[in-house]
C-alpha atoms as a PDB file:
ATOM      1  CA  MET A   1      99.755 100.525-101.529  1.00  0.00           C
ATOM      2  CA  LYS A   2      96.428 100.347-103.305  1.00  0.00           C
ATOM      3  CA  VAL A   3      93.692  97.845-102.529  1.00  0.00           C
ATOM      4  CA  ILE A   4      90.927  96.753-104.885  1.00  0.00           C
ATOM      5  CA  MET A   5      87.520  96.401-103.191  1.00  0.00           C
ATOM      6  CA  GLU A   6      84.716  94.559-105.005  1.00  0.00           C
ATOM      7  CA  HIS A   7      80.982  94.602-104.295  1.00  0.00           C
ATOM      8  CA  PRO A   8      78.822  91.577-105.158  1.00  0.00           C
ATOM      9  CA  SER A   9      76.819  93.810-107.530  1.00  0.00           C
ATOM     10  CA  GLY A  10      79.959  94.309-109.641  1.00  0.00           C
ATOM     11  CA  MET A  11      81.101  97.720-108.381  1.00  0.00           C
ATOM     12  CA  VAL A  12      84.867  98.010-107.939  1.00  0.00           C
ATOM     13  CA  LYS A  13      86.700 100.679-105.927  1.00  0.00           C
ATOM     14  CA  GLU A  14      90.416 101.273-105.645  1.00  0.00           C
ATOM     15  CA  VAL A  15      91.453 102.486-102.187  1.00  0.00           C
ATOM     16  CA  LYS A  16      94.881 103.465-100.933  1.00  0.00           C
ATOM     17  CA  LYS A  17      96.238 102.267 -97.598  1.00  0.00           C
ATOM     18  CA  GLY A  18      98.170 104.401 -95.154  1.00  0.00           C
ATOM     19  CA  PHE A  19      98.595 108.173 -95.076  1.00  0.00           C
ATOM     20  CA  SER A  20      96.028 110.087 -97.138  1.00  0.00           C
ATOM     21  CA  TRP A  21      97.708 112.919 -98.998  1.00  0.00           C
ATOM     22  CA  THR A  22      94.375 113.934-100.490  1.00  0.00           C
ATOM     23  CA  VAL A  23      92.857 114.496 -97.027  1.00  0.00           C
ATOM     24  CA  PHE A  24      96.022 116.334 -95.985  1.00  0.00           C
ATOM     25  CA  PHE A  25      95.693 118.827 -98.859  1.00  0.00           C
ATOM     26  CA  PHE A  26      91.922 118.949 -99.456  1.00  0.00           C
ATOM     27  CA  GLY A  27      90.447 118.089 -96.050  1.00  0.00           C
ATOM     28  CA  LEU A  28      86.765 117.295 -95.847  1.00  0.00           C
ATOM     29  CA  PHE A  29      86.257 117.589 -99.610  1.00  0.00           C
ATOM     30  CA  VAL A  30      87.673 114.065-100.002  1.00  0.00           C
ATOM     31  CA  PRO A  31      84.875 112.289 -98.091  1.00  0.00           C
ATOM     32  CA  LEU A  32      82.340 114.541 -99.823  1.00  0.00           C
ATOM     33  CA  ILE A  33      83.585 113.509-103.261  1.00  0.00           C
ATOM     34  CA  ARG A  34      83.683 109.839-102.229  1.00  0.00           C
ATOM     35  CA  GLY A  35      80.089 110.070-100.960  1.00  0.00           C
ATOM     36  CA  ASP A  36      81.121 109.428 -97.366  1.00  0.00           C
ATOM     37  CA  LEU A  37      78.815 112.021 -95.812  1.00  0.00           C
ATOM     38  CA  LYS A  38      79.129 110.727 -92.239  1.00  0.00           C
ATOM     39  CA  TRP A  39      82.888 111.333 -92.057  1.00  0.00           C
ATOM     40  CA  ALA A  40      82.589 114.594 -93.974  1.00  0.00           C
ATOM     41  CA  ALA A  41      80.167 115.863 -91.318  1.00  0.00           C
ATOM     42  CA  ILE A  42      82.388 114.631 -88.489  1.00  0.00           C
ATOM     43  CA  MET A  43      85.463 116.267 -90.016  1.00  0.00           C
ATOM     44  CA  PHE A  44      83.551 119.510 -90.559  1.00  0.00           C
ATOM     45  CA  ALA A  45      82.242 119.611 -86.997  1.00  0.00           C
ATOM     46  CA  LEU A  46      85.640 118.858 -85.457  1.00  0.00           C
ATOM     47  CA  SER A  47      87.415 121.363 -87.705  1.00  0.00           C
ATOM     48  CA  LEU A  48      84.848 124.018 -86.895  1.00  0.00           C
ATOM     49  CA  LEU A  49      85.121 123.379 -83.169  1.00  0.00           C
ATOM     50  CA  ALA A  50      88.926 123.191 -83.086  1.00  0.00           C
ATOM     51  CA  GLY A  51      89.290 126.151 -85.446  1.00  0.00           C
ATOM     52  CA  SER A  52      86.994 128.383 -83.446  1.00  0.00           C
ATOM     53  CA  LEU A  53      88.887 127.636 -80.250  1.00  0.00           C
ATOM     54  CA  SER A  54      92.338 128.291 -81.713  1.00  0.00           C
ATOM     55  CA  PHE A  55      91.947 131.013 -84.354  1.00  0.00           C
ATOM     56  CA  GLY A  56      91.934 128.456 -87.190  1.00  0.00           C
ATOM     57  CA  LEU A  57      95.077 126.526 -86.297  1.00  0.00           C
ATOM     58  CA  GLY A  58      93.126 123.687 -84.706  1.00  0.00           C
ATOM     59  CA  SER A  59      91.481 122.824 -88.006  1.00  0.00           C
ATOM     60  CA  LEU A  60      94.931 122.173 -89.476  1.00  0.00           C
ATOM     61  CA  PHE A  61      95.624 119.795 -86.609  1.00  0.00           C
ATOM     62  CA  ILE A  62      92.328 117.947 -87.256  1.00  0.00           C
ATOM     63  CA  SER A  63      93.208 117.670 -90.937  1.00  0.00           C
ATOM     64  CA  LEU A  64      96.608 116.207 -90.043  1.00  0.00           C
ATOM     65  CA  ILE A  65      95.034 113.632 -87.711  1.00  0.00           C
ATOM     66  CA  PHE A  66      92.487 112.547 -90.316  1.00  0.00           C
ATOM     67  CA  SER A  67      95.262 112.264 -92.906  1.00  0.00           C
ATOM     68  CA  PHE A  68      96.647 109.359 -90.901  1.00  0.00           C
ATOM     69  CA  ILE A  69      93.352 107.559 -90.183  1.00  0.00           C
ATOM     70  CA  TYR A  70      90.878 108.348 -92.968  1.00  0.00           C
ATOM     71  CA  ASN A  71      91.866 105.622 -95.457  1.00  0.00           C
ATOM     72  CA  LYS A  72      91.489 102.978 -92.755  1.00  0.00           C
ATOM     73  CA  LEU A  73      88.077 104.374 -91.797  1.00  0.00           C
ATOM     74  CA  TYR A  74      87.005 104.387 -95.443  1.00  0.00           C
ATOM     75  CA  ILE A  75      88.049 100.755 -95.947  1.00  0.00           C
ATOM     76  CA  LYS A  76      86.095  99.757 -92.821  1.00  0.00           C
ATOM     77  CA  GLU A  77      83.020 101.583 -94.150  1.00  0.00           C
ATOM     78  CA  LEU A  78      83.308  99.767 -97.479  1.00  0.00           C
ATOM     79  CA  LEU A  79      83.554  96.426 -95.680  1.00  0.00           C
ATOM     80  CA  GLU A  80      80.381  97.271 -93.737  1.00  0.00           C
ATOM     81  CA  LYS A  81      78.605  98.126 -97.007  1.00  0.00           C
ATOM     82  CA  GLY A  82      79.356  94.678 -98.387  1.00  0.00           C
ATOM     83  CA  TYR A  83      82.548  95.303-100.323  1.00  0.00           C
ATOM     84  CA  ARG A  84      85.192  92.604-100.141  1.00  0.00           C
ATOM     85  CA  PRO A  85      88.861  92.840-101.050  1.00  0.00           C
ATOM     86  CA  ALA A  86      89.860  91.260-104.322  1.00  0.00           C
ATOM     87  CA  PRO A  87      91.398  87.814-103.675  1.00  0.00           C
ATOM     88  CA  GLU A  88      94.981  89.039-104.072  1.00  0.00           C
ATOM     89  CA  PHE A  89      94.401  91.796-101.455  1.00  0.00           C
ATOM     90  CA  GLU A  90      92.556  89.839 -98.722  1.00  0.00           C
ATOM     91  CA  VAL A  91      95.577  89.379 -96.453  1.00  0.00           C
ATOM     92  CA  ALA A  92      96.658  93.017 -96.825  1.00  0.00           C
ATOM     93  CA  VAL A  93      93.213  94.375 -95.938  1.00  0.00           C
ATOM     94  CA  SER A  94      92.600  92.051 -92.986  1.00  0.00           C
ATOM     95  CA  SER A  95      95.965  92.871 -91.423  1.00  0.00           C
ATOM     96  CA  TYR A  96      95.481  96.615 -92.057  1.00  0.00           C
ATOM     97  CA  VAL A  97      91.936  96.910 -90.708  1.00  0.00           C
ATOM     98  CA  ASN A  98      92.575  94.756 -87.644  1.00  0.00           C
ATOM     99  CA  SER A  99      95.674  96.699 -86.588  1.00  0.00           C
END
């Protein structure tokens, strides 16, 4: 399901809920493209650490974990930056972020 997030300045972003296939296939490039440098750095550091300890297989595990949680983290970051869900998506976002 997609959610429309609106900023008071007029910016609108469309964000998907649930599993992130883009993070699953492209890893930390997704937060880099979205301008989410904090989570890109965290993903890079964890992938580097896990990969160096397990001959690269740990970074695949980190990518799988972030595939399940990244969209929720991104929506929370947008809410902190002042974005609000469009009126028809308010209930969906509040139930998703609070779970």
